[in-house]
Amino acid sequence: MSNFNYSYIIKYIIIGDTGVGKSCLLLQFTDKRFMPAHDLTIGVEFGTRFVVVNDQRIKLQIWDTAGQESFRSITRSYYRGAAGALLVYDITRRETFEHLPTWLKDIRDHANPDTVIMLIGNKSDLDGKRQVTKEEGERFAKENNLFFLEASAKSADNVEEAFVRTTETIQKKIQMGEIDLSSETNGVKLMPQDGSSLPSANAAAGNGGCC
């Protein structure tokens, strides 16, 4: 199938503390593989994948942001124009859960107010080392109007589900007219009817667009 045969491009970001597994979640989703020894992300990493939701083929463009404070001013620029976001913590490191309010404030200060956010408790395969209960994650998500899943980048459990559920919600917003497709700040772009190529990922990062 042609790479230009799709309905929309949707921009995603992945945020959270260093070492929670953001890059591993991206790699599992885009390449179906797990890399246990992954270098720390410097600035941002980027990946794409097509998904089919309600008979529509949709291209996801995903920006994996560095968790270090020293890169925060750089990565915040990628929040703009994001339609979807994964907010990730590590269920085996309580401090990553305790830092969630700061990350959530960051995204709500710098991203689109309608960004669909999925809270991910990563490393569910390490249940024996758990420091954060599933109930705590569910409660934080409910209190902050977020979707919630526990997932494992290693086993791939719920990785697909995280992206598909948020894409379904974004697609529903498009169909209900809640997202203005003429504005790049909403993180969704309609596929050109003539099938012409779209701006490069690097160009979009500079202007806050979704592609």
N, C-alpha and C. Protein backbone atom coordinates (compact mmCIF):
# COMPACT_ATOMS: atom_id res chain seq x y z
N MET A 1 0.84 -1.20 0.00
CA MET A 1 0.00 0.00 0.00
C MET A 1 0.87 1.24 0.00
N SER A 2 0.48 2.22 -0.80
CA SER A 2 1.28 3.45 -0.91
C SER A 2 1.37 4.17 0.42
N ASN A 3 2.55 4.76 0.68
CA ASN A 3 2.71 5.55 1.89
C ASN A 3 1.87 6.81 1.88
N PHE A 4 1.32 7.16 0.73
CA PHE A 4 0.48 8.36 0.66
C PHE A 4 -1.01 8.02 0.73
N ASN A 5 -1.33 6.75 0.94
CA ASN A 5 -2.71 6.33 1.00
C ASN A 5 -3.17 6.28 2.45
N TYR A 6 -3.51 7.44 2.99
CA TYR A 6 -4.02 7.51 4.35
C TYR A 6 -4.87 8.77 4.50
N SER A 7 -5.62 8.82 5.58
CA SER A 7 -6.58 9.91 5.77
C SER A 7 -6.01 11.10 6.52
N TYR A 8 -5.23 10.83 7.57
CA TYR A 8 -4.71 11.91 8.40
C TYR A 8 -3.28 11.62 8.84
N ILE A 9 -2.58 12.69 9.22
CA ILE A 9 -1.35 12.59 9.99
C ILE A 9 -1.66 13.14 11.38
N ILE A 10 -1.28 12.40 12.40
CA ILE A 10 -1.51 12.84 13.77
C ILE A 10 -0.17 12.89 14.50
N LYS A 11 0.10 14.01 15.15
CA LYS A 11 1.35 14.18 15.89
C LYS A 11 1.18 13.76 17.34
N TYR A 12 2.13 12.94 17.82
CA TYR A 12 2.18 12.49 19.20
C TYR A 12 3.49 12.93 19.85
N ILE A 13 3.46 13.05 21.18
CA ILE A 13 4.69 13.21 21.95
C ILE A 13 4.68 12.18 23.08
N ILE A 14 5.87 11.78 23.51
CA ILE A 14 6.02 10.89 24.66
C ILE A 14 6.88 11.63 25.68
N ILE A 15 6.35 11.78 26.90
CA ILE A 15 7.05 12.56 27.92
C ILE A 15 7.12 11.78 29.24
N GLY A 16 8.05 12.18 30.10
CA GLY A 16 8.22 11.55 31.39
C GLY A 16 9.69 11.57 31.79
N ASP A 17 9.96 11.12 33.00
CA ASP A 17 11.33 11.12 33.53
C ASP A 17 12.28 10.28 32.69
N THR A 18 13.55 10.54 32.84
CA THR A 18 14.60 9.73 32.22
C THR A 18 14.52 8.29 32.72
N GLY A 19 14.66 7.34 31.81
CA GLY A 19 14.74 5.94 32.19
C GLY A 19 13.42 5.23 32.43
N VAL A 20 12.29 5.90 32.14
CA VAL A 20 11.00 5.24 32.35
C VAL A 20 10.63 4.32 31.18
N GLY A 21 11.39 4.41 30.08
CA GLY A 21 11.14 3.52 28.96
C GLY A 21 10.43 4.16 27.78
N LYS A 22 10.53 5.47 27.66
CA LYS A 22 9.84 6.17 26.56
C LYS A 22 10.34 5.70 25.20
N SER A 23 11.66 5.66 25.04
CA SER A 23 12.23 5.24 23.75
C SER A 23 11.92 3.79 23.46
N CYS A 24 11.87 2.96 24.50
CA CYS A 24 11.55 1.54 24.31
C CYS A 24 10.09 1.36 23.89
N LEU A 25 9.20 2.18 24.43
CA LEU A 25 7.80 2.13 24.00
C LEU A 25 7.67 2.51 22.54
N LEU A 26 8.40 3.56 22.14
CA LEU A 26 8.37 3.99 20.75
C LEU A 26 8.90 2.90 19.83
N LEU A 27 10.03 2.30 20.21
CA LEU A 27 10.65 1.26 19.39
C LEU A 27 9.75 0.04 19.29
N GLN A 28 9.11 -0.33 20.39
CA GLN A 28 8.21 -1.48 20.37
C GLN A 28 7.02 -1.21 19.45
N PHE A 29 6.50 0.00 19.49
CA PHE A 29 5.33 0.33 18.67
C PHE A 29 5.68 0.43 17.19
N THR A 30 6.81 1.06 16.88
CA THR A 30 7.14 1.29 15.47
C THR A 30 7.85 0.11 14.82
N ASP A 31 8.70 -0.61 15.60
CA ASP A 31 9.53 -1.67 15.02
C ASP A 31 9.24 -3.06 15.57
N LYS A 32 8.35 -3.15 16.55
CA LYS A 32 8.01 -4.44 17.15
C LYS A 32 9.23 -5.14 17.75
N ARG A 33 10.09 -4.36 18.40
CA ARG A 33 11.25 -4.97 19.04
C ARG A 33 11.60 -4.22 20.31
N PHE A 34 12.36 -4.89 21.15
CA PHE A 34 12.76 -4.32 22.44
C PHE A 34 14.27 -4.27 22.53
N MET A 35 14.78 -3.12 22.94
CA MET A 35 16.22 -2.96 23.10
C MET A 35 16.51 -2.67 24.57
N PRO A 36 16.97 -3.67 25.34
CA PRO A 36 17.14 -3.48 26.79
C PRO A 36 18.18 -2.44 27.16
N ALA A 37 19.24 -2.30 26.35
CA ALA A 37 20.29 -1.32 26.65
C ALA A 37 20.17 -0.16 25.66
N HIS A 38 19.28 0.78 25.98
CA HIS A 38 19.04 1.91 25.08
C HIS A 38 19.73 3.15 25.64
N ASP A 39 20.48 3.85 24.79
CA ASP A 39 21.13 5.08 25.22
C ASP A 39 20.09 6.12 25.60
N LEU A 40 20.47 7.02 26.52
CA LEU A 40 19.57 8.10 26.89
C LEU A 40 19.28 8.97 25.67
N THR A 41 18.04 9.37 25.56
CA THR A 41 17.65 10.24 24.45
C THR A 41 18.27 11.62 24.62
N ILE A 42 18.88 12.11 23.56
CA ILE A 42 19.46 13.45 23.56
C ILE A 42 18.53 14.35 22.76
N GLY A 43 17.81 15.22 23.47
CA GLY A 43 16.84 16.09 22.80
C GLY A 43 15.57 15.34 22.48
N VAL A 44 15.42 14.90 21.22
CA VAL A 44 14.23 14.15 20.83
C VAL A 44 14.62 13.04 19.85
N GLU A 45 13.79 11.98 19.82
CA GLU A 45 13.86 10.96 18.80
C GLU A 45 12.52 10.93 18.10
N PHE A 46 12.49 10.31 16.92
CA PHE A 46 11.30 10.40 16.09
C PHE A 46 10.99 9.05 15.46
N GLY A 47 9.70 8.72 15.38
CA GLY A 47 9.28 7.49 14.72
C GLY A 47 7.91 7.67 14.10
N THR A 48 7.60 6.84 13.11
CA THR A 48 6.28 6.89 12.47
C THR A 48 5.71 5.48 12.35
N ARG A 49 4.40 5.43 12.29
CA ARG A 49 3.73 4.15 12.00
C ARG A 49 2.31 4.42 11.55
N PHE A 50 1.82 3.56 10.67
CA PHE A 50 0.44 3.64 10.23
C PHE A 50 -0.43 2.74 11.11
N VAL A 51 -1.63 3.21 11.43
CA VAL A 51 -2.62 2.38 12.12
C VAL A 51 -3.93 2.50 11.37
N VAL A 52 -4.77 1.49 11.50
CA VAL A 52 -6.10 1.53 10.90
C VAL A 52 -7.12 1.60 12.02
N VAL A 53 -7.91 2.68 12.03
CA VAL A 53 -8.92 2.89 13.05
C VAL A 53 -10.25 3.17 12.36
N ASN A 54 -11.25 2.34 12.65
CA ASN A 54 -12.57 2.49 12.04
C ASN A 54 -12.48 2.63 10.51
N ASP A 55 -11.69 1.73 9.94
CA ASP A 55 -11.53 1.64 8.47
C ASP A 55 -10.79 2.82 7.86
N GLN A 56 -10.17 3.65 8.68
CA GLN A 56 -9.35 4.74 8.16
C GLN A 56 -7.88 4.47 8.48
N ARG A 57 -7.03 4.63 7.47
CA ARG A 57 -5.59 4.46 7.66
C ARG A 57 -5.01 5.81 8.08
N ILE A 58 -4.34 5.81 9.22
CA ILE A 58 -3.85 7.05 9.82
C ILE A 58 -2.36 6.94 10.08
N LYS A 59 -1.63 7.99 9.76
CA LYS A 59 -0.19 8.02 9.99
C LYS A 59 0.10 8.73 11.31
N LEU A 60 0.78 8.05 12.21
CA LEU A 60 1.18 8.66 13.47
C LEU A 60 2.64 9.08 13.38
N GLN A 61 2.90 10.32 13.74
CA GLN A 61 4.27 10.82 13.82
C GLN A 61 4.56 11.11 15.29
N ILE A 62 5.55 10.42 15.84
CA ILE A 62 5.73 10.37 17.29
C ILE A 62 7.08 10.93 17.68
N TRP A 63 7.05 11.91 18.58
CA TRP A 63 8.28 12.54 19.08
C TRP A 63 8.53 12.07 20.50
N ASP A 64 9.64 11.38 20.68
CA ASP A 64 10.06 10.88 21.99
C ASP A 64 11.01 11.91 22.59
N THR A 65 10.63 12.52 23.69
CA THR A 65 11.40 13.63 24.26
C THR A 65 12.30 13.17 25.40
N ALA A 66 13.44 13.83 25.54
CA ALA A 66 14.38 13.53 26.62
C ALA A 66 13.78 13.92 27.97
N GLY A 67 14.10 13.11 28.99
CA GLY A 67 13.56 13.39 30.32
C GLY A 67 14.43 14.28 31.17
N GLN A 68 15.68 14.51 30.75
CA GLN A 68 16.59 15.31 31.58
C GLN A 68 16.16 16.78 31.61
N GLU A 69 16.29 17.39 32.76
CA GLU A 69 15.95 18.80 32.94
C GLU A 69 16.73 19.69 31.99
N SER A 70 17.98 19.31 31.68
CA SER A 70 18.82 20.14 30.83
C SER A 70 18.28 20.27 29.40
N PHE A 71 17.42 19.33 28.99
CA PHE A 71 16.85 19.39 27.64
C PHE A 71 15.42 19.92 27.63
N ARG A 72 14.91 20.29 28.81
CA ARG A 72 13.49 20.65 28.92
C ARG A 72 13.10 21.80 28.01
N SER A 73 13.95 22.82 27.90
CA SER A 73 13.61 23.97 27.06
C SER A 73 13.54 23.59 25.59
N ILE A 74 14.34 22.59 25.19
CA ILE A 74 14.32 22.11 23.81
C ILE A 74 13.07 21.28 23.55
N THR A 75 12.81 20.34 24.44
CA THR A 75 11.71 19.41 24.20
C THR A 75 10.35 20.07 24.30
N ARG A 76 10.25 21.15 25.09
CA ARG A 76 8.96 21.82 25.20
C ARG A 76 8.46 22.34 23.85
N SER A 77 9.41 22.69 22.96
CA SER A 77 9.01 23.21 21.65
C SER A 77 8.27 22.14 20.84
N TYR A 78 8.48 20.88 21.17
CA TYR A 78 7.82 19.79 20.45
C TYR A 78 6.42 19.51 21.00
N TYR A 79 6.09 20.09 22.14
CA TYR A 79 4.75 19.91 22.69
C TYR A 79 3.70 20.60 21.82
N ARG A 80 4.11 21.72 21.21
CA ARG A 80 3.15 22.50 20.42
C ARG A 80 2.65 21.68 19.25
N GLY A 81 1.36 21.74 19.04
CA GLY A 81 0.78 21.03 17.91
C GLY A 81 0.70 19.54 18.08
N ALA A 82 0.70 19.04 19.32
CA ALA A 82 0.55 17.60 19.56
C ALA A 82 -0.92 17.28 19.82
N ALA A 83 -1.45 16.36 19.05
CA ALA A 83 -2.85 15.94 19.26
C ALA A 83 -2.94 14.84 20.30
N GLY A 84 -1.87 14.05 20.43
CA GLY A 84 -1.85 12.97 21.40
C GLY A 84 -0.57 12.96 22.19
N ALA A 85 -0.64 12.47 23.42
CA ALA A 85 0.56 12.40 24.27
C ALA A 85 0.51 11.17 25.16
N LEU A 86 1.66 10.53 25.32
CA LEU A 86 1.81 9.48 26.32
C LEU A 86 2.64 10.06 27.46
N LEU A 87 2.09 10.07 28.65
CA LEU A 87 2.77 10.53 29.86
C LEU A 87 3.19 9.28 30.62
N VAL A 88 4.50 9.02 30.70
CA VAL A 88 5.00 7.72 31.14
C VAL A 88 5.71 7.81 32.49
N TYR A 89 5.43 6.83 33.35
CA TYR A 89 6.22 6.64 34.57
C TYR A 89 6.60 5.17 34.68
N ASP A 90 7.51 4.87 35.57
CA ASP A 90 8.02 3.51 35.77
C ASP A 90 7.41 2.97 37.06
N ILE A 91 6.65 1.87 36.97
CA ILE A 91 5.97 1.35 38.16
C ILE A 91 6.94 0.85 39.22
N THR A 92 8.24 0.68 38.86
CA THR A 92 9.24 0.21 39.83
C THR A 92 10.04 1.34 40.46
N ARG A 93 9.75 2.59 40.07
CA ARG A 93 10.47 3.76 40.62
C ARG A 93 9.44 4.81 41.02
N ARG A 94 9.19 4.88 42.31
CA ARG A 94 8.12 5.73 42.80
C ARG A 94 8.34 7.21 42.47
N GLU A 95 9.59 7.65 42.44
CA GLU A 95 9.85 9.06 42.17
C GLU A 95 9.35 9.47 40.78
N THR A 96 9.34 8.54 39.84
CA THR A 96 8.86 8.88 38.49
C THR A 96 7.36 9.12 38.49
N PHE A 97 6.66 8.45 39.40
CA PHE A 97 5.22 8.68 39.57
C PHE A 97 4.98 10.01 40.28
N GLU A 98 5.80 10.30 41.27
CA GLU A 98 5.64 11.54 42.04
C GLU A 98 5.93 12.79 41.21
N HIS A 99 6.69 12.62 40.12
CA HIS A 99 7.00 13.75 39.25
C HIS A 99 5.92 14.00 38.20
N LEU A 100 4.89 13.16 38.14
CA LEU A 100 3.86 13.31 37.11
C LEU A 100 3.16 14.68 37.12
N PRO A 101 2.83 15.25 38.29
CA PRO A 101 2.18 16.57 38.26
C PRO A 101 2.99 17.63 37.52
N THR A 102 4.32 17.58 37.67
CA THR A 102 5.18 18.54 36.97
C THR A 102 5.10 18.34 35.46
N TRP A 103 5.18 17.08 35.03
CA TRP A 103 5.08 16.79 33.59
C TRP A 103 3.72 17.17 33.03
N LEU A 104 2.68 16.88 33.80
CA LEU A 104 1.33 17.20 33.33
C LEU A 104 1.14 18.70 33.20
N LYS A 105 1.66 19.46 34.17
CA LYS A 105 1.58 20.92 34.07
C LYS A 105 2.33 21.42 32.85
N ASP A 106 3.48 20.81 32.59
CA ASP A 106 4.29 21.17 31.43
C ASP A 106 3.51 21.02 30.13
N ILE A 107 2.90 19.87 29.97
CA ILE A 107 2.19 19.63 28.71
C ILE A 107 0.95 20.52 28.61
N ARG A 108 0.28 20.76 29.71
CA ARG A 108 -0.92 21.59 29.64
C ARG A 108 -0.58 23.07 29.48
N ASP A 109 0.63 23.45 29.87
CA ASP A 109 1.08 24.83 29.67
C ASP A 109 1.56 25.07 28.24
N HIS A 110 2.13 24.04 27.62
CA HIS A 110 2.82 24.25 26.35
C HIS A 110 2.18 23.56 25.15
N ALA A 111 1.29 22.60 25.38
CA ALA A 111 0.65 21.89 24.27
C ALA A 111 -0.75 22.44 24.04
N ASN A 112 -1.40 21.90 23.03
CA ASN A 112 -2.79 22.25 22.75
C ASN A 112 -3.68 21.84 23.94
N PRO A 113 -4.61 22.68 24.36
CA PRO A 113 -5.45 22.32 25.51
C PRO A 113 -6.32 21.09 25.27
N ASP A 114 -6.52 20.73 23.99
CA ASP A 114 -7.34 19.56 23.66
C ASP A 114 -6.52 18.30 23.42
N THR A 115 -5.22 18.35 23.71
CA THR A 115 -4.36 17.18 23.51
C THR A 115 -4.91 15.99 24.31
N VAL A 116 -5.04 14.85 23.65
CA VAL A 116 -5.52 13.63 24.30
C VAL A 116 -4.32 12.96 24.98
N ILE A 117 -4.41 12.79 26.31
CA ILE A 117 -3.27 12.30 27.08
C ILE A 117 -3.56 10.92 27.65
N MET A 118 -2.64 10.00 27.42
CA MET A 118 -2.71 8.66 27.99
C MET A 118 -1.60 8.51 29.03
N LEU A 119 -1.98 8.22 30.27
CA LEU A 119 -1.00 7.95 31.32
C LEU A 119 -0.58 6.48 31.23
N ILE A 120 0.72 6.24 31.15
CA ILE A 120 1.25 4.89 31.01
C ILE A 120 2.13 4.54 32.20
N GLY A 121 1.75 3.48 32.92
CA GLY A 121 2.62 2.90 33.93
C GLY A 121 3.44 1.82 33.26
N ASN A 122 4.68 2.14 32.87
CA ASN A 122 5.49 1.22 32.09
C ASN A 122 6.21 0.20 32.99
N LYS A 123 6.68 -0.86 32.36
CA LYS A 123 7.43 -1.96 33.00
C LYS A 123 6.52 -2.85 33.85
N SER A 124 5.31 -3.08 33.35
CA SER A 124 4.37 -3.95 34.06
C SER A 124 4.87 -5.39 34.15
N ASP A 125 5.88 -5.74 33.32
CA ASP A 125 6.47 -7.08 33.40
C ASP A 125 7.31 -7.26 34.66
N LEU A 126 7.62 -6.15 35.35
CA LEU A 126 8.42 -6.21 36.57
C LEU A 126 7.54 -6.04 37.81
N ASP A 127 6.44 -6.76 37.83
CA ASP A 127 5.47 -6.60 38.92
C ASP A 127 6.06 -6.89 40.29
N GLY A 128 7.03 -7.78 40.35
CA GLY A 128 7.65 -8.12 41.63
C GLY A 128 8.46 -6.98 42.22
N LYS A 129 8.83 -6.00 41.38
CA LYS A 129 9.60 -4.86 41.86
C LYS A 129 8.74 -3.60 41.96
N ARG A 130 7.45 -3.77 41.86
CA ARG A 130 6.52 -2.64 41.82
C ARG A 130 6.60 -1.76 43.06
N GLN A 131 6.63 -0.43 42.83
CA GLN A 131 6.56 0.55 43.92
C GLN A 131 5.31 1.42 43.82
N VAL A 132 4.62 1.35 42.69
CA VAL A 132 3.39 2.13 42.48
C VAL A 132 2.28 1.16 42.11
N THR A 133 1.19 1.17 42.87
CA THR A 133 0.09 0.25 42.58
C THR A 133 -0.70 0.71 41.36
N LYS A 134 -1.36 -0.23 40.74
CA LYS A 134 -2.21 0.10 39.59
C LYS A 134 -3.32 1.06 40.01
N GLU A 135 -3.83 0.86 41.23
CA GLU A 135 -4.90 1.71 41.73
C GLU A 135 -4.46 3.17 41.86
N GLU A 136 -3.21 3.39 42.25
CA GLU A 136 -2.68 4.75 42.33
C GLU A 136 -2.63 5.40 40.96
N GLY A 137 -2.19 4.63 39.96
CA GLY A 137 -2.17 5.16 38.60
C GLY A 137 -3.56 5.49 38.10
N GLU A 138 -4.50 4.59 38.37
CA GLU A 138 -5.89 4.81 37.95
C GLU A 138 -6.47 6.06 38.62
N ARG A 139 -6.14 6.23 39.90
CA ARG A 139 -6.67 7.38 40.64
C ARG A 139 -6.11 8.69 40.10
N PHE A 140 -4.80 8.72 39.83
CA PHE A 140 -4.19 9.94 39.29
C PHE A 140 -4.81 10.27 37.93
N ALA A 141 -5.01 9.25 37.11
CA ALA A 141 -5.59 9.47 35.78
C ALA A 141 -7.02 10.02 35.90
N LYS A 142 -7.80 9.43 36.79
CA LYS A 142 -9.19 9.87 36.96
C LYS A 142 -9.25 11.30 37.47
N GLU A 143 -8.39 11.64 38.42
CA GLU A 143 -8.38 12.99 38.99
C GLU A 143 -7.97 14.05 37.98
N ASN A 144 -7.22 13.64 36.95
CA ASN A 144 -6.69 14.60 35.97
C ASN A 144 -7.26 14.41 34.57
N ASN A 145 -8.34 13.61 34.48
CA ASN A 145 -9.04 13.40 33.21
C ASN A 145 -8.12 12.85 32.12
N LEU A 146 -7.39 11.81 32.48
CA LEU A 146 -6.47 11.15 31.55
C LEU A 146 -6.95 9.72 31.29
N PHE A 147 -6.57 9.19 30.15
CA PHE A 147 -6.71 7.75 29.94
C PHE A 147 -5.59 7.08 30.73
N PHE A 148 -5.75 5.78 31.01
CA PHE A 148 -4.72 5.09 31.78
C PHE A 148 -4.57 3.64 31.35
N LEU A 149 -3.31 3.20 31.23
CA LEU A 149 -2.98 1.80 31.02
C LEU A 149 -1.64 1.51 31.69
N GLU A 150 -1.48 0.31 32.20
CA GLU A 150 -0.15 -0.18 32.52
C GLU A 150 0.32 -0.95 31.29
N ALA A 151 1.59 -0.84 30.98
CA ALA A 151 2.12 -1.43 29.76
C ALA A 151 3.53 -1.94 29.99
N SER A 152 4.01 -2.72 29.04
CA SER A 152 5.38 -3.21 29.07
C SER A 152 6.00 -3.08 27.69
N ALA A 153 7.02 -2.23 27.58
CA ALA A 153 7.73 -2.13 26.31
C ALA A 153 8.46 -3.43 26.00
N LYS A 154 8.81 -4.19 27.03
CA LYS A 154 9.54 -5.44 26.83
C LYS A 154 8.65 -6.53 26.27
N SER A 155 7.48 -6.73 26.88
CA SER A 155 6.57 -7.79 26.42
C SER A 155 5.59 -7.31 25.37
N ALA A 156 5.54 -5.99 25.15
CA ALA A 156 4.61 -5.34 24.21
C ALA A 156 3.19 -5.26 24.75
N ASP A 157 2.97 -5.67 25.98
CA ASP A 157 1.63 -5.62 26.56
C ASP A 157 1.10 -4.19 26.60
N ASN A 158 -0.04 -3.97 25.97
CA ASN A 158 -0.77 -2.69 25.95
C ASN A 158 -0.07 -1.56 25.21
N VAL A 159 1.05 -1.82 24.54
CA VAL A 159 1.72 -0.76 23.79
C VAL A 159 0.86 -0.33 22.60
N GLU A 160 0.41 -1.31 21.83
CA GLU A 160 -0.47 -1.02 20.70
C GLU A 160 -1.75 -0.35 21.17
N GLU A 161 -2.31 -0.88 22.25
CA GLU A 161 -3.57 -0.36 22.79
C GLU A 161 -3.46 1.11 23.16
N ALA A 162 -2.33 1.51 23.72
CA ALA A 162 -2.15 2.90 24.14
C ALA A 162 -2.30 3.87 22.96
N PHE A 163 -1.66 3.54 21.85
CA PHE A 163 -1.73 4.41 20.69
C PHE A 163 -3.08 4.31 19.98
N VAL A 164 -3.62 3.11 19.89
CA VAL A 164 -4.89 2.95 19.17
C VAL A 164 -6.03 3.63 19.93
N ARG A 165 -6.08 3.49 21.25
CA ARG A 165 -7.16 4.11 22.02
C ARG A 165 -7.13 5.63 21.91
N THR A 166 -5.94 6.20 21.99
CA THR A 166 -5.86 7.66 21.88
C THR A 166 -6.18 8.11 20.46
N THR A 167 -5.75 7.33 19.45
CA THR A 167 -6.06 7.68 18.07
C THR A 167 -7.56 7.61 17.82
N GLU A 168 -8.23 6.63 18.39
CA GLU A 168 -9.69 6.54 18.26
C GLU A 168 -10.36 7.78 18.82
N THR A 169 -9.87 8.26 19.96
CA THR A 169 -10.45 9.46 20.58
C THR A 169 -10.22 10.69 19.71
N ILE A 170 -9.01 10.82 19.18
CA ILE A 170 -8.70 11.95 18.30
C ILE A 170 -9.56 11.89 17.04
N GLN A 171 -9.69 10.69 16.47
CA GLN A 171 -10.51 10.52 15.27
C GLN A 171 -11.96 10.93 15.54
N LYS A 172 -12.46 10.56 16.70
CA LYS A 172 -13.83 10.93 17.07
C LYS A 172 -13.98 12.45 17.17
N LYS A 173 -12.95 13.12 17.73
CA LYS A 173 -12.98 14.58 17.81
C LYS A 173 -13.00 15.20 16.41
N ILE A 174 -12.26 14.59 15.48
CA ILE A 174 -12.26 15.08 14.09
C ILE A 174 -13.65 14.95 13.50
N GLN A 175 -14.26 13.79 13.66
CA GLN A 175 -15.57 13.54 13.08
C GLN A 175 -16.66 14.41 13.68
N MET A 176 -16.48 14.80 14.94
CA MET A 176 -17.47 15.65 15.60
C MET A 176 -17.21 17.14 15.36
N GLY A 177 -16.14 17.44 14.60
CA GLY A 177 -15.83 18.82 14.28
C GLY A 177 -15.16 19.58 15.39
N GLU A 178 -14.61 18.86 16.38
CA GLU A 178 -13.96 19.52 17.51
C GLU A 178 -12.51 19.90 17.20
N ILE A 179 -11.97 19.37 16.11
CA ILE A 179 -10.61 19.68 15.70
C ILE A 179 -10.65 20.39 14.35
N ASP A 180 -10.07 21.57 14.31
CA ASP A 180 -10.01 22.37 13.09
C ASP A 180 -8.84 21.88 12.25
N LEU A 181 -9.14 21.19 11.15
CA LEU A 181 -8.09 20.61 10.31
C LEU A 181 -7.30 21.66 9.54
N SER A 182 -7.80 22.89 9.53
CA SER A 182 -7.07 23.95 8.83
C SER A 182 -5.98 24.57 9.69
N SER A 183 -5.95 24.19 10.99
CA SER A 183 -4.96 24.75 11.91
C SER A 183 -3.96 23.68 12.32
N GLU A 184 -2.68 23.90 12.05
CA GLU A 184 -1.64 22.94 12.43
C GLU A 184 -1.45 22.84 13.93
N THR A 185 -1.94 23.82 14.68
CA THR A 185 -1.75 23.79 16.13
C THR A 185 -2.53 22.66 16.78
N ASN A 186 -3.47 22.06 16.07
CA ASN A 186 -4.26 20.97 16.63
C ASN A 186 -3.59 19.61 16.48
N GLY A 187 -2.48 19.54 15.75
CA GLY A 187 -1.73 18.30 15.65
C GLY A 187 -2.28 17.28 14.68
N VAL A 188 -3.24 17.69 13.84
CA VAL A 188 -3.81 16.77 12.86
C VAL A 188 -3.77 17.45 11.50
N LYS A 189 -3.35 16.70 10.51
CA LYS A 189 -3.34 17.24 9.16
C LYS A 189 -4.06 16.27 8.23
N LEU A 190 -4.93 16.81 7.39
CA LEU A 190 -5.65 16.02 6.41
C LEU A 190 -4.73 15.67 5.25
N MET A 191 -4.80 14.44 4.79
CA MET A 191 -3.99 14.02 3.65
C MET A 191 -4.42 14.80 2.41
N PRO A 192 -3.47 15.44 1.69
CA PRO A 192 -3.81 16.16 0.46
C PRO A 192 -4.50 15.25 -0.55
N GLN A 193 -5.54 15.74 -1.16
CA GLN A 193 -6.32 14.93 -2.09
C GLN A 193 -5.52 14.53 -3.32
N ASP A 194 -4.50 15.32 -3.68
CA ASP A 194 -3.72 15.00 -4.87
C ASP A 194 -2.58 14.03 -4.58
N GLY A 195 -2.45 13.62 -3.29
CA GLY A 195 -1.42 12.65 -2.94
C GLY A 195 -0.02 13.24 -2.92
N SER A 196 0.09 14.55 -2.96
CA SER A 196 1.41 15.17 -2.96
C SER A 196 2.09 14.97 -1.62
N SER A 197 3.40 15.03 -1.62
CA SER A 197 4.13 14.81 -0.38
C SER A 197 3.93 15.96 0.57
N LEU A 198 4.08 15.67 1.86
CA LEU A 198 3.86 16.64 2.92
C LEU A 198 5.18 17.16 3.44
N PRO A 199 5.18 18.26 4.21
CA PRO A 199 6.42 18.80 4.74
C PRO A 199 7.17 17.76 5.56
N SER A 200 8.47 17.89 5.60
CA SER A 200 9.29 16.93 6.34
C SER A 200 9.08 17.04 7.83
N ALA A 201 9.46 15.98 8.55
CA ALA A 201 9.31 15.98 10.00
C ALA A 201 10.14 17.09 10.63
N ASN A 202 11.34 17.31 10.13
CA ASN A 202 12.19 18.34 10.72
C ASN A 202 11.59 19.72 10.54
N ALA A 203 11.00 19.98 9.38
CA ALA A 203 10.38 21.28 9.15
C ALA A 203 9.22 21.49 10.09
N ALA A 204 8.43 20.43 10.31
CA ALA A 204 7.26 20.59 11.17
C ALA A 204 7.65 20.83 12.62
N ALA A 205 8.74 20.22 13.04
CA ALA A 205 9.16 20.41 14.43
C ALA A 205 9.45 21.87 14.70
N GLY A 206 9.95 22.55 13.72
CA GLY A 206 10.29 23.96 13.90
C GLY A 206 9.09 24.86 14.01
N ASN A 207 7.97 24.49 13.34
CA ASN A 207 6.81 25.38 13.39
C ASN A 207 5.68 24.85 14.23
N GLY A 208 5.92 23.73 14.91
CA GLY A 208 4.90 23.19 15.79
C GLY A 208 3.85 22.38 15.04
N GLY A 209 4.07 22.10 13.76
CA GLY A 209 3.10 21.33 12.98
C GLY A 209 3.15 19.87 13.32
N CYS A 210 2.34 19.09 12.61
CA CYS A 210 2.20 17.69 12.99
C CYS A 210 2.94 16.77 12.06
N CYS A 211 3.65 17.29 11.07
CA CYS A 211 4.29 16.36 10.15
C CYS A 211 5.65 16.88 9.72
